[in-house]
PDB file of all heavy atoms in Angstrom:
ATOM      1  N   SER A   1       0.836  -1.194   0.000  1.00  0.00           N
ATOM      2  CA  SER A   1       0.000   0.000   0.000  1.00  0.00           C
ATOM      3  C   SER A   1       0.871   1.244   0.000  1.00  0.00           C
ATOM      4  O   SER A   1       2.101   1.175  -0.072  1.00  0.00           O
ATOM      5  CB  SER A   1      -0.906  -0.005   1.228  1.00  0.00           C
ATOM      6  OG  SER A   1      -0.120   0.049   2.411  1.00  0.00           O
ATOM      7  N   GLY A   2       0.237   2.384   0.113  1.00  0.00           N
ATOM      8  CA  GLY A   2       0.967   3.633   0.261  1.00  0.00           C
ATOM      9  C   GLY A   2       1.449   3.815   1.688  1.00  0.00           C
ATOM     10  O   GLY A   2       1.231   2.957   2.559  1.00  0.00           O
ATOM     11  N   PRO A   3       2.108   4.926   1.973  1.00  0.00           N
ATOM     12  CA  PRO A   3       2.628   5.153   3.327  1.00  0.00           C
ATOM     13  C   PRO A   3       1.509   5.332   4.344  1.00  0.00           C
ATOM     14  O   PRO A   3       0.469   5.910   4.046  1.00  0.00           O
ATOM     15  CB  PRO A   3       3.436   6.442   3.166  1.00  0.00           C
ATOM     16  CG  PRO A   3       2.838   7.133   1.981  1.00  0.00           C
ATOM     17  CD  PRO A   3       2.398   6.044   1.054  1.00  0.00           C
ATOM     18  N   GLU A   4       1.732   4.831   5.541  1.00  0.00           N
ATOM     19  CA  GLU A   4       0.826   5.027   6.663  1.00  0.00           C
ATOM     20  C   GLU A   4       1.605   5.756   7.750  1.00  0.00           C
ATOM     21  O   GLU A   4       2.331   5.139   8.535  1.00  0.00           O
ATOM     22  CB  GLU A   4       0.292   3.688   7.164  1.00  0.00           C
ATOM     23  CG  GLU A   4      -0.511   2.925   6.119  1.00  0.00           C
ATOM     24  CD  GLU A   4      -1.021   1.593   6.625  1.00  0.00           C
ATOM     25  OE1 GLU A   4      -1.026   1.394   7.861  1.00  0.00           O
ATOM     26  OE2 GLU A   4      -1.413   0.755   5.787  1.00  0.00           O
ATOM     27  N   PRO A   5       1.516   7.098   7.770  1.00  0.00           N
ATOM     28  CA  PRO A   5       2.333   7.902   8.691  1.00  0.00           C
ATOM     29  C   PRO A   5       2.217   7.430  10.132  1.00  0.00           C
ATOM     30  O   PRO A   5       1.128   7.113  10.617  1.00  0.00           O
ATOM     31  CB  PRO A   5       1.767   9.314   8.517  1.00  0.00           C
ATOM     32  CG  PRO A   5       1.214   9.315   7.116  1.00  0.00           C
ATOM     33  CD  PRO A   5       0.657   7.935   6.920  1.00  0.00           C
ATOM     34  N   GLY A   6       3.377   7.359  10.776  1.00  0.00           N
ATOM     35  CA  GLY A   6       3.432   6.965  12.173  1.00  0.00           C
ATOM     36  C   GLY A   6       3.600   5.490  12.409  1.00  0.00           C
ATOM     37  O   GLY A   6       3.835   5.063  13.556  1.00  0.00           O
ATOM     38  N   THR A   7       3.511   4.685  11.339  1.00  0.00           N
ATOM     39  CA  THR A   7       3.703   3.243  11.502  1.00  0.00           C
ATOM     40  C   THR A   7       5.175   2.893  11.294  1.00  0.00           C
ATOM     41  O   THR A   7       5.929   3.665  10.705  1.00  0.00           O
ATOM     42  CB  THR A   7       2.850   2.452  10.506  1.00  0.00           C
ATOM     43  OG1 THR A   7       3.267   2.788   9.169  1.00  0.00           O
ATOM     44  CG2 THR A   7       1.374   2.815  10.663  1.00  0.00           C
ATOM     45  N   PRO A   8       5.624   1.728  11.794  1.00  0.00           N
ATOM     46  CA  PRO A   8       7.029   1.353  11.621  1.00  0.00           C
ATOM     47  C   PRO A   8       7.424   1.254  10.155  1.00  0.00           C
ATOM     48  O   PRO A   8       6.620   0.887   9.292  1.00  0.00           O
ATOM     49  CB  PRO A   8       7.109  -0.019  12.307  1.00  0.00           C
ATOM     50  CG  PRO A   8       5.968  -0.038  13.255  1.00  0.00           C
ATOM     51  CD  PRO A   8       4.880   0.759  12.602  1.00  0.00           C
ATOM     52  N   GLY A   9       8.679   1.578   9.885  1.00  0.00           N
ATOM     53  CA  GLY A   9       9.230   1.439   8.547  1.00  0.00           C
ATOM     54  C   GLY A   9      10.246   0.318   8.508  1.00  0.00           C
ATOM     55  O   GLY A   9      10.106  -0.693   9.221  1.00  0.00           O
ATOM     56  N   GLN A  10      11.286   0.482   7.687  1.00  0.00           N
ATOM     57  CA  GLN A  10      12.316  -0.539   7.526  1.00  0.00           C
ATOM     58  C   GLN A  10      13.680   0.144   7.475  1.00  0.00           C
ATOM     59  O   GLN A  10      13.804   1.255   6.953  1.00  0.00           O
ATOM     60  CB  GLN A  10      12.095  -1.324   6.230  1.00  0.00           C
ATOM     61  CG  GLN A  10      10.724  -1.962   6.107  1.00  0.00           C
ATOM     62  CD  GLN A  10      10.401  -2.404   4.690  1.00  0.00           C
ATOM     63  OE1 GLN A  10      11.111  -3.234   4.105  1.00  0.00           O
ATOM     64  NE2 GLN A  10       9.329  -1.864   4.122  1.00  0.00           N
ATOM     65  N   LEU A  11      14.680  -0.538   7.973  1.00  0.00           N
ATOM     66  CA  LEU A  11      16.049  -0.023   7.942  1.00  0.00           C
ATOM     67  C   LEU A  11      16.989  -1.163   7.590  1.00  0.00           C
ATOM     68  O   LEU A  11      16.948  -2.232   8.216  1.00  0.00           O
ATOM     69  CB  LEU A  11      16.445   0.571   9.302  1.00  0.00           C
ATOM     70  CG  LEU A  11      17.884   1.088   9.412  1.00  0.00           C
ATOM     71  CD1 LEU A  11      18.074   2.344   8.558  1.00  0.00           C
ATOM     72  CD2 LEU A  11      18.252   1.375  10.866  1.00  0.00           C
ATOM     73  N   TYR A  12      17.846  -0.915   6.598  1.00  0.00           N
ATOM     74  CA  TYR A  12      18.780  -1.945   6.154  1.00  0.00           C
ATOM     75  C   TYR A  12      20.187  -1.381   6.064  1.00  0.00           C
ATOM     76  O   TYR A  12      20.382  -0.235   5.628  1.00  0.00           O
ATOM     77  CB  TYR A  12      18.361  -2.500   4.787  1.00  0.00           C
ATOM     78  CG  TYR A  12      16.989  -3.118   4.803  1.00  0.00           C
ATOM     79  CD1 TYR A  12      15.890  -2.424   4.280  1.00  0.00           C
ATOM     80  CD2 TYR A  12      16.778  -4.373   5.358  1.00  0.00           C
ATOM     81  CE1 TYR A  12      14.618  -2.973   4.303  1.00  0.00           C
ATOM     82  CE2 TYR A  12      15.500  -4.934   5.391  1.00  0.00           C
ATOM     83  CZ  TYR A  12      14.439  -4.231   4.868  1.00  0.00           C
ATOM     84  OH  TYR A  12      13.179  -4.771   4.910  1.00  0.00           O
ATOM     85  N   HIS A  13      21.167  -2.192   6.460  1.00  0.00           N
ATOM     86  CA  HIS A  13      22.578  -1.887   6.236  1.00  0.00           C
ATOM     87  C   HIS A  13      22.907  -2.434   4.858  1.00  0.00           C
ATOM     88  O   HIS A  13      23.194  -3.608   4.688  1.00  0.00           O
ATOM     89  CB  HIS A  13      23.445  -2.534   7.317  1.00  0.00           C
ATOM     90  CG  HIS A  13      24.856  -2.051   7.319  1.00  0.00           C
ATOM     91  ND1 HIS A  13      25.755  -2.357   6.324  1.00  0.00           N
ATOM     92  CD2 HIS A  13      25.528  -1.257   8.203  1.00  0.00           C
ATOM     93  CE1 HIS A  13      26.927  -1.803   6.602  1.00  0.00           C
ATOM     94  NE2 HIS A  13      26.812  -1.123   7.721  1.00  0.00           N
ATOM     95  N   ILE A  14      22.855  -1.568   3.871  1.00  0.00           N
ATOM     96  CA  ILE A  14      22.854  -2.020   2.481  1.00  0.00           C
ATOM     97  C   ILE A  14      24.200  -2.584   2.054  1.00  0.00           C
ATOM     98  O   ILE A  14      24.269  -3.355   1.093  1.00  0.00           O
ATOM     99  CB  ILE A  14      22.384  -0.879   1.551  1.00  0.00           C
ATOM    100  CG1 ILE A  14      21.633  -1.441   0.331  1.00  0.00           C
ATOM    101  CG2 ILE A  14      23.537   0.026   1.163  1.00  0.00           C
ATOM    102  CD1 ILE A  14      20.269  -1.972   0.644  1.00  0.00           C
ATOM    103  N   PHE A  15      25.274  -2.235   2.753  1.00  0.00           N
ATOM    104  CA  PHE A  15      26.580  -2.818   2.423  1.00  0.00           C
ATOM    105  C   PHE A  15      26.667  -4.261   2.913  1.00  0.00           C
ATOM    106  O   PHE A  15      27.114  -5.152   2.183  1.00  0.00           O
ATOM    107  CB  PHE A  15      27.715  -2.005   3.042  1.00  0.00           C
ATOM    108  CG  PHE A  15      27.936  -0.655   2.394  1.00  0.00           C
ATOM    109  CD1 PHE A  15      28.896   0.214   2.901  1.00  0.00           C
ATOM    110  CD2 PHE A  15      27.196  -0.251   1.299  1.00  0.00           C
ATOM    111  CE1 PHE A  15      29.114   1.456   2.315  1.00  0.00           C
ATOM    112  CE2 PHE A  15      27.394   0.986   0.711  1.00  0.00           C
ATOM    113  CZ  PHE A  15      28.353   1.841   1.223  1.00  0.00           C
ATOM    114  N   ASP A  16      26.268  -4.502   4.166  1.00  0.00           N
ATOM    115  CA  ASP A  16      26.333  -5.849   4.739  1.00  0.00           C
ATOM    116  C   ASP A  16      25.141  -6.708   4.328  1.00  0.00           C
ATOM    117  O   ASP A  16      25.240  -7.938   4.315  1.00  0.00           O
ATOM    118  CB  ASP A  16      26.375  -5.771   6.266  1.00  0.00           C
ATOM    119  CG  ASP A  16      27.659  -5.162   6.787  1.00  0.00           C
ATOM    120  OD1 ASP A  16      28.638  -5.064   6.001  1.00  0.00           O
ATOM    121  OD2 ASP A  16      27.694  -4.762   7.972  1.00  0.00           O
ATOM    122  N   ASP A  17      24.026  -6.049   4.016  1.00  0.00           N
ATOM    123  CA  ASP A  17      22.783  -6.749   3.718  1.00  0.00           C
ATOM    124  C   ASP A  17      22.170  -6.164   2.441  1.00  0.00           C
ATOM    125  O   ASP A  17      21.113  -5.542   2.468  1.00  0.00           O
ATOM    126  CB  ASP A  17      21.828  -6.587   4.914  1.00  0.00           C
ATOM    127  CG  ASP A  17      20.479  -7.263   4.706  1.00  0.00           C
ATOM    128  OD1 ASP A  17      20.417  -8.259   3.954  1.00  0.00           O
ATOM    129  OD2 ASP A  17      19.482  -6.770   5.280  1.00  0.00           O
ATOM    130  N   PRO A  18      22.839  -6.348   1.300  1.00  0.00           N
ATOM    131  CA  PRO A  18      22.374  -5.694   0.068  1.00  0.00           C
ATOM    132  C   PRO A  18      21.011  -6.172  -0.409  1.00  0.00           C
ATOM    133  O   PRO A  18      20.343  -5.442  -1.156  1.00  0.00           O
ATOM    134  CB  PRO A  18      23.461  -6.043  -0.952  1.00  0.00           C
ATOM    135  CG  PRO A  18      24.097  -7.275  -0.420  1.00  0.00           C
ATOM    136  CD  PRO A  18      24.042  -7.158   1.063  1.00  0.00           C
ATOM    137  N   TYR A  19      20.584  -7.346   0.018  1.00  0.00           N
ATOM    138  CA  TYR A  19      19.322  -7.889  -0.477  1.00  0.00           C
ATOM    139  C   TYR A  19      18.171  -7.673   0.504  1.00  0.00           C
ATOM    140  O   TYR A  19      17.104  -8.278   0.359  1.00  0.00           O
ATOM    141  CB  TYR A  19      19.493  -9.359  -0.838  1.00  0.00           C
ATOM    142  CG  TYR A  19      20.657  -9.547  -1.781  1.00  0.00           C
ATOM    143  CD1 TYR A  19      21.673 -10.447  -1.505  1.00  0.00           C
ATOM    144  CD2 TYR A  19      20.770  -8.770  -2.941  1.00  0.00           C
ATOM    145  CE1 TYR A  19      22.753 -10.587  -2.360  1.00  0.00           C
ATOM    146  CE2 TYR A  19      21.851  -8.904  -3.797  1.00  0.00           C
ATOM    147  CZ  TYR A  19      22.836  -9.820  -3.493  1.00  0.00           C
ATOM    148  OH  TYR A  19      23.919  -9.945  -4.347  1.00  0.00           O
ATOM    149  N   GLU A  20      18.400  -6.796   1.498  1.00  0.00           N
ATOM    150  CA  GLU A  20      17.345  -6.301   2.383  1.00  0.00           C
ATOM    151  C   GLU A  20      16.583  -7.435   3.081  1.00  0.00           C
ATOM    152  O   GLU A  20      15.366  -7.542   2.998  1.00  0.00           O
ATOM    153  CB  GLU A  20      16.391  -5.403   1.592  1.00  0.00           C
ATOM    154  CG  GLU A  20      17.080  -4.170   1.032  1.00  0.00           C
ATOM    155  CD  GLU A  20      16.246  -3.419   0.004  1.00  0.00           C
ATOM    156  OE1 GLU A  20      16.063  -3.953  -1.115  1.00  0.00           O
ATOM    157  OE2 GLU A  20      15.783  -2.312   0.325  1.00  0.00           O
ATOM    158  N   THR A  21      17.333  -8.260   3.797  1.00  0.00           N
ATOM    159  CA  THR A  21      16.734  -9.388   4.500  1.00  0.00           C
ATOM    160  C   THR A  21      16.657  -9.181   6.008  1.00  0.00           C
ATOM    161  O   THR A  21      15.875  -9.850   6.682  1.00  0.00           O
ATOM    162  CB  THR A  21      17.547 -10.676   4.232  1.00  0.00           C
ATOM    163  OG1 THR A  21      18.891 -10.506   4.721  1.00  0.00           O
ATOM    164  CG2 THR A  21      17.583 -10.993   2.743  1.00  0.00           C
ATOM    165  N   ASP A  22      17.462  -8.260   6.552  1.00  0.00           N
ATOM    166  CA  ASP A  22      17.558  -8.079   8.005  1.00  0.00           C
ATOM    167  C   ASP A  22      17.130  -6.651   8.360  1.00  0.00           C
ATOM    168  O   ASP A  22      17.908  -5.703   8.273  1.00  0.00           O
ATOM    169  CB  ASP A  22      18.996  -8.344   8.464  1.00  0.00           C
ATOM    170  CG  ASP A  22      19.151  -8.292   9.972  1.00  0.00           C
ATOM    171  OD1 ASP A  22      18.121  -8.327  10.679  1.00  0.00           O
ATOM    172  OD2 ASP A  22      20.299  -8.194  10.444  1.00  0.00           O
ATOM    173  N   ASP A  23      15.887  -6.507   8.773  1.00  0.00           N
ATOM    174  CA  ASP A  23      15.323  -5.193   9.093  1.00  0.00           C
ATOM    175  C   ASP A  23      15.799  -4.754  10.478  1.00  0.00           C
ATOM    176  O   ASP A  23      15.497  -5.393  11.489  1.00  0.00           O
ATOM    177  CB  ASP A  23      13.806  -5.279   9.041  1.00  0.00           C
ATOM    178  CG  ASP A  23      13.119  -3.952   9.308  1.00  0.00           C
ATOM    179  OD1 ASP A  23      13.817  -2.939   9.498  1.00  0.00           O
ATOM    180  OD2 ASP A  23      11.872  -3.937   9.329  1.00  0.00           O
ATOM    181  N   LEU A  24      16.522  -3.627  10.501  1.00  0.00           N
ATOM    182  CA  LEU A  24      17.110  -3.128  11.746  1.00  0.00           C
ATOM    183  C   LEU A  24      16.338  -1.929  12.314  1.00  0.00           C
ATOM    184  O   LEU A  24      16.857  -1.191  13.161  1.00  0.00           O
ATOM    185  CB  LEU A  24      18.572  -2.729  11.505  1.00  0.00           C
ATOM    186  CG  LEU A  24      19.481  -3.849  10.972  1.00  0.00           C
ATOM    187  CD1 LEU A  24      20.876  -3.296  10.661  1.00  0.00           C
ATOM    188  CD2 LEU A  24      19.565  -4.988  11.969  1.00  0.00           C
ATOM    189  N   TRP A  25      15.111  -1.731  11.881  1.00  0.00           N
ATOM    190  CA  TRP A  25      14.317  -0.577  12.305  1.00  0.00           C
ATOM    191  C   TRP A  25      14.243  -0.470  13.837  1.00  0.00           C
ATOM    192  O   TRP A  25      14.445   0.615  14.400  1.00  0.00           O
ATOM    193  CB  TRP A  25      12.911  -0.683  11.716  1.00  0.00           C
ATOM    194  CG  TRP A  25      11.948   0.349  12.221  1.00  0.00           C
ATOM    195  CD1 TRP A  25      11.161   0.274  13.345  1.00  0.00           C
ATOM    196  CD2 TRP A  25      11.666   1.622  11.630  1.00  0.00           C
ATOM    197  NE1 TRP A  25      10.412   1.413  13.487  1.00  0.00           N
ATOM    198  CE2 TRP A  25      10.705   2.266  12.442  1.00  0.00           C
ATOM    199  CE3 TRP A  25      12.123   2.274  10.491  1.00  0.00           C
ATOM    200  CZ2 TRP A  25      10.191   3.529  12.155  1.00  0.00           C
ATOM    201  CZ3 TRP A  25      11.620   3.533  10.190  1.00  0.00           C
ATOM    202  CH2 TRP A  25      10.666   4.149  11.015  1.00  0.00           C
ATOM    203  N   SER A  26      13.959  -1.553  14.488  1.00  0.00           N
ATOM    204  CA  SER A  26      13.731  -1.510  15.937  1.00  0.00           C
ATOM    205  C   SER A  26      15.020  -1.534  16.748  1.00  0.00           C
ATOM    206  O   SER A  26      14.999  -1.195  17.940  1.00  0.00           O
ATOM    207  CB  SER A  26      12.835  -2.680  16.362  1.00  0.00           C
ATOM    208  OG  SER A  26      13.456  -3.922  16.064  1.00  0.00           O
ATOM    209  N   THR A  27      16.140  -1.909  16.121  1.00  0.00           N
ATOM    210  CA  THR A  27      17.388  -2.030  16.878  1.00  0.00           C
ATOM    211  C   THR A  27      18.349  -0.868  16.685  1.00  0.00           C
ATOM    212  O   THR A  27      19.316  -0.737  17.424  1.00  0.00           O
ATOM    213  CB  THR A  27      18.109  -3.339  16.513  1.00  0.00           C
ATOM    214  OG1 THR A  27      18.421  -3.337  15.118  1.00  0.00           O
ATOM    215  CG2 THR A  27      17.244  -4.537  16.848  1.00  0.00           C
ATOM    216  N   ARG A  28      18.122  -0.031  15.676  1.00  0.00           N
ATOM    217  CA  ARG A  28      19.010   1.114  15.447  1.00  0.00           C
ATOM    218  C   ARG A  28      18.195   2.413  15.362  1.00  0.00           C
ATOM    219  O   ARG A  28      18.167   3.086  14.329  1.00  0.00           O
ATOM    220  CB  ARG A  28      19.838   0.915  14.165  1.00  0.00           C
ATOM    221  CG  ARG A  28      20.769  -0.281  14.187  1.00  0.00           C
ATOM    222  CD  ARG A  28      21.802  -0.220  15.311  1.00  0.00           C
ATOM    223  NE  ARG A  28      22.644   0.951  15.235  1.00  0.00           N
ATOM    224  CZ  ARG A  28      23.800   1.005  14.585  1.00  0.00           C
ATOM    225  NH1 ARG A  28      24.231  -0.049  13.923  1.00  0.00           N
ATOM    226  NH2 ARG A  28      24.516   2.113  14.597  1.00  0.00           N
ATOM    227  N   PRO A  29      17.538   2.784  16.446  1.00  0.00           N
ATOM    228  CA  PRO A  29      16.676   3.975  16.405  1.00  0.00           C
ATOM    229  C   PRO A  29      17.433   5.258  16.116  1.00  0.00           C
ATOM    230  O   PRO A  29      16.866   6.203  15.565  1.00  0.00           O
ATOM    231  CB  PRO A  29      16.042   3.992  17.800  1.00  0.00           C
ATOM    232  CG  PRO A  29      16.978   3.205  18.662  1.00  0.00           C
ATOM    233  CD  PRO A  29      17.520   2.135  17.773  1.00  0.00           C
ATOM    234  N   GLU A  30      18.714   5.311  16.452  1.00  0.00           N
ATOM    235  CA  GLU A  30      19.487   6.528  16.191  1.00  0.00           C
ATOM    236  C   GLU A  30      19.698   6.750  14.692  1.00  0.00           C
ATOM    237  O   GLU A  30      19.712   7.890  14.209  1.00  0.00           O
ATOM    238  CB  GLU A  30      20.829   6.467  16.930  1.00  0.00           C
ATOM    239  CG  GLU A  30      21.910   5.583  16.327  1.00  0.00           C
ATOM    240  CD  GLU A  30      21.717   4.082  16.565  1.00  0.00           C
ATOM    241  OE1 GLU A  30      20.669   3.698  17.148  1.00  0.00           O
ATOM    242  OE2 GLU A  30      22.614   3.301  16.168  1.00  0.00           O
ATOM    243  N   ILE A  31      19.845   5.652  13.941  1.00  0.00           N
ATOM    244  CA  ILE A  31      19.967   5.776  12.486  1.00  0.00           C
ATOM    245  C   ILE A  31      18.630   6.183  11.884  1.00  0.00           C
ATOM    246  O   ILE A  31      18.562   7.030  10.982  1.00  0.00           O
ATOM    247  CB  ILE A  31      20.456   4.449  11.864  1.00  0.00           C
ATOM    248  CG1 ILE A  31      21.790   4.011  12.482  1.00  0.00           C
ATOM    249  CG2 ILE A  31      20.583   4.595  10.345  1.00  0.00           C
ATOM    250  CD1 ILE A  31      22.919   4.985  12.244  1.00  0.00           C
ATOM    251  N   VAL A  32      17.551   5.585  12.384  1.00  0.00           N
ATOM    252  CA  VAL A  32      16.213   5.959  11.913  1.00  0.00           C
ATOM    253  C   VAL A  32      15.975   7.444  12.126  1.00  0.00           C
ATOM    254  O   VAL A  32      15.507   8.161  11.233  1.00  0.00           O
ATOM    255  CB  VAL A  32      15.136   5.129  12.641  1.00  0.00           C
ATOM    256  CG1 VAL A  32      13.746   5.669  12.317  1.00  0.00           C
ATOM    257  CG2 VAL A  32      15.240   3.655  12.260  1.00  0.00           C
ATOM    258  N   GLU A  33      16.337   7.934  13.290  1.00  0.00           N
ATOM    259  CA  GLU A  33      16.118   9.347  13.608  1.00  0.00           C
ATOM    260  C   GLU A  33      16.962  10.254  12.712  1.00  0.00           C
ATOM    261  O   GLU A  33      16.479  11.270  12.196  1.00  0.00           O
ATOM    262  CB  GLU A  33      16.452   9.599  15.080  1.00  0.00           C
ATOM    263  CG  GLU A  33      16.221  11.029  15.526  1.00  0.00           C
ATOM    264  CD  GLU A  33      16.532  11.246  16.997  1.00  0.00           C
ATOM    265  OE1 GLU A  33      17.001  10.289  17.658  1.00  0.00           O
ATOM    266  OE2 GLU A  33      16.319  12.370  17.495  1.00  0.00           O
ATOM    267  N   ARG A  34      18.213   9.881  12.510  1.00  0.00           N
ATOM    268  CA  ARG A  34      19.111  10.724  11.724  1.00  0.00           C
ATOM    269  C   ARG A  34      18.674  10.788  10.259  1.00  0.00           C
ATOM    270  O   ARG A  34      18.643  11.862   9.653  1.00  0.00           O
ATOM    271  CB  ARG A  34      20.546  10.195  11.830  1.00  0.00           C
ATOM    272  CG  ARG A  34      21.560  10.952  10.972  1.00  0.00           C
ATOM    273  CD  ARG A  34      22.984  10.603  11.351  1.00  0.00           C
ATOM    274  NE  ARG A  34      23.307   9.221  11.142  1.00  0.00           N
ATOM    275  CZ  ARG A  34      23.682   8.690   9.970  1.00  0.00           C
ATOM    276  NH1 ARG A  34      23.736   9.454   8.888  1.00  0.00           N
ATOM    277  NH2 ARG A  34      23.991   7.408   9.880  1.00  0.00           N
ATOM    278  N   LEU A  35      18.331   9.652   9.682  1.00  0.00           N
ATOM    279  CA  LEU A  35      17.949   9.650   8.272  1.00  0.00           C
ATOM    280  C   LEU A  35      16.561  10.241   8.058  1.00  0.00           C
ATOM    281  O   LEU A  35      16.294  10.851   7.013  1.00  0.00           O
ATOM    282  CB  LEU A  35      18.020   8.233   7.705  1.00  0.00           C
ATOM    283  CG  LEU A  35      19.416   7.606   7.628  1.00  0.00           C
ATOM    284  CD1 LEU A  35      19.374   6.327   6.807  1.00  0.00           C
ATOM    285  CD2 LEU A  35      20.426   8.567   7.040  1.00  0.00           C
ATOM    286  N   THR A  36      15.676  10.069   9.015  1.00  0.00           N
ATOM    287  CA  THR A  36      14.369  10.717   8.923  1.00  0.00           C
ATOM    288  C   THR A  36      14.538  12.234   8.896  1.00  0.00           C
ATOM    289  O   THR A  36      13.872  12.934   8.112  1.00  0.00           O
ATOM    290  CB  THR A  36      13.473  10.304  10.094  1.00  0.00           C
ATOM    291  OG1 THR A  36      13.291   8.880  10.089  1.00  0.00           O
ATOM    292  CG2 THR A  36      12.109  10.982  10.011  1.00  0.00           C
ATOM    293  N   ALA A  37      15.433  12.725   9.718  1.00  0.00           N
ATOM    294  CA  ALA A  37      15.692  14.167   9.751  1.00  0.00           C
ATOM    295  C   ALA A  37      16.319  14.643   8.441  1.00  0.00           C
ATOM    296  O   ALA A  37      16.001  15.730   7.935  1.00  0.00           O
ATOM    297  CB  ALA A  37      16.587  14.511  10.931  1.00  0.00           C
ATOM    298  N   LEU A  38      17.211  13.836   7.867  1.00  0.00           N
ATOM    299  CA  LEU A  38      17.853  14.211   6.605  1.00  0.00           C
ATOM    300  C   LEU A  38      16.824  14.288   5.484  1.00  0.00           C
ATOM    301  O   LEU A  38      16.817  15.242   4.694  1.00  0.00           O
ATOM    302  CB  LEU A  38      18.952  13.209   6.255  1.00  0.00           C
ATOM    303  CG  LEU A  38      19.730  13.483   4.960  1.00  0.00           C
ATOM    304  CD1 LEU A  38      20.429  14.836   5.010  1.00  0.00           C
ATOM    305  CD2 LEU A  38      20.742  12.359   4.701  1.00  0.00           C
ATOM    306  N   LEU A  39      15.934  13.303   5.397  1.00  0.00           N
ATOM    307  CA  LEU A  39      14.880  13.339   4.394  1.00  0.00           C
ATOM    308  C   LEU A  39      13.984  14.553   4.611  1.00  0.00           C
ATOM    309  O   LEU A  39      13.604  15.241   3.651  1.00  0.00           O
ATOM    310  CB  LEU A  39      14.062  12.051   4.432  1.00  0.00           C
ATOM    311  CG  LEU A  39      12.872  11.972   3.474  1.00  0.00           C
ATOM    312  CD1 LEU A  39      13.313  12.146   2.034  1.00  0.00           C
ATOM    313  CD2 LEU A  39      12.120  10.651   3.653  1.00  0.00           C
ATOM    314  N   GLY A  40      13.663  14.835   5.852  1.00  0.00           N
ATOM    315  CA  GLY A  40      12.850  16.006   6.152  1.00  0.00           C
ATOM    316  C   GLY A  40      13.521  17.296   5.702  1.00  0.00           C
ATOM    317  O   GLY A  40      12.861  18.206   5.190  1.00  0.00           O
ATOM    318  N   ARG A  41      14.839  17.370   5.860  1.00  0.00           N
ATOM    319  CA  ARG A  41      15.565  18.566   5.421  1.00  0.00           C
ATOM    320  C   ARG A  41      15.523  18.699   3.906  1.00  0.00           C
ATOM    321  O   ARG A  41      15.322  19.793   3.380  1.00  0.00           O
ATOM    322  CB  ARG A  41      17.013  18.501   5.908  1.00  0.00           C
ATOM    323  CG  ARG A  41      17.888  19.658   5.404  1.00  0.00           C
ATOM    324  CD  ARG A  41      19.189  19.761   6.168  1.00  0.00           C
ATOM    325  NE  ARG A  41      20.093  18.658   5.916  1.00  0.00           N
ATOM    326  CZ  ARG A  41      20.927  18.590   4.882  1.00  0.00           C
ATOM    327  NH1 ARG A  41      20.920  19.542   3.953  1.00  0.00           N
ATOM    328  NH2 ARG A  41      21.740  17.563   4.749  1.00  0.00           N
ATOM    329  N   PHE A  42      15.715  17.582   3.193  1.00  0.00           N
ATOM    330  CA  PHE A  42      15.651  17.620   1.735  1.00  0.00           C
ATOM    331  C   PHE A  42      14.279  18.101   1.258  1.00  0.00           C
ATOM    332  O   PHE A  42      14.172  18.863   0.290  1.00  0.00           O
ATOM    333  CB  PHE A  42      15.930  16.243   1.143  1.00  0.00           C
ATOM    334  CG  PHE A  42      17.374  15.809   1.215  1.00  0.00           C
ATOM    335  CD1 PHE A  42      17.718  14.491   0.965  1.00  0.00           C
ATOM    336  CD2 PHE A  42      18.380  16.706   1.521  1.00  0.00           C
ATOM    337  CE1 PHE A  42      19.042  14.078   1.010  1.00  0.00           C
ATOM    338  CE2 PHE A  42      19.708  16.314   1.577  1.00  0.00           C
ATOM    339  CZ  PHE A  42      20.037  14.990   1.320  1.00  0.00           C
ATOM    340  N   LYS A  43      13.224  17.652   1.908  1.00  0.00           N
ATOM    341  CA  LYS A  43      11.882  18.079   1.532  1.00  0.00           C
ATOM    342  C   LYS A  43      11.686  19.566   1.816  1.00  0.00           C
ATOM    343  O   LYS A  43      11.162  20.319   0.987  1.00  0.00           O
ATOM    344  CB  LYS A  43      10.839  17.261   2.289  1.00  0.00           C
ATOM    345  CG  LYS A  43      10.742  15.804   1.879  1.00  0.00           C
ATOM    346  CD  LYS A  43       9.659  15.104   2.689  1.00  0.00           C
ATOM    347  CE  LYS A  43       9.492  13.653   2.300  1.00  0.00           C
ATOM    348  NZ  LYS A  43       8.430  12.970   3.081  1.00  0.00           N
TER     349      LYS A  43
END
């Protein structure tokens, strides 16, 4: 579906996990916060 604001997303270490099999959303909240802020700045 389309985005559902406020629901969990996905986070991948694309170098170690290029095929997006290990979702790190819940274990690396600092990366989620930093990249969310970066996307917000670009917008």
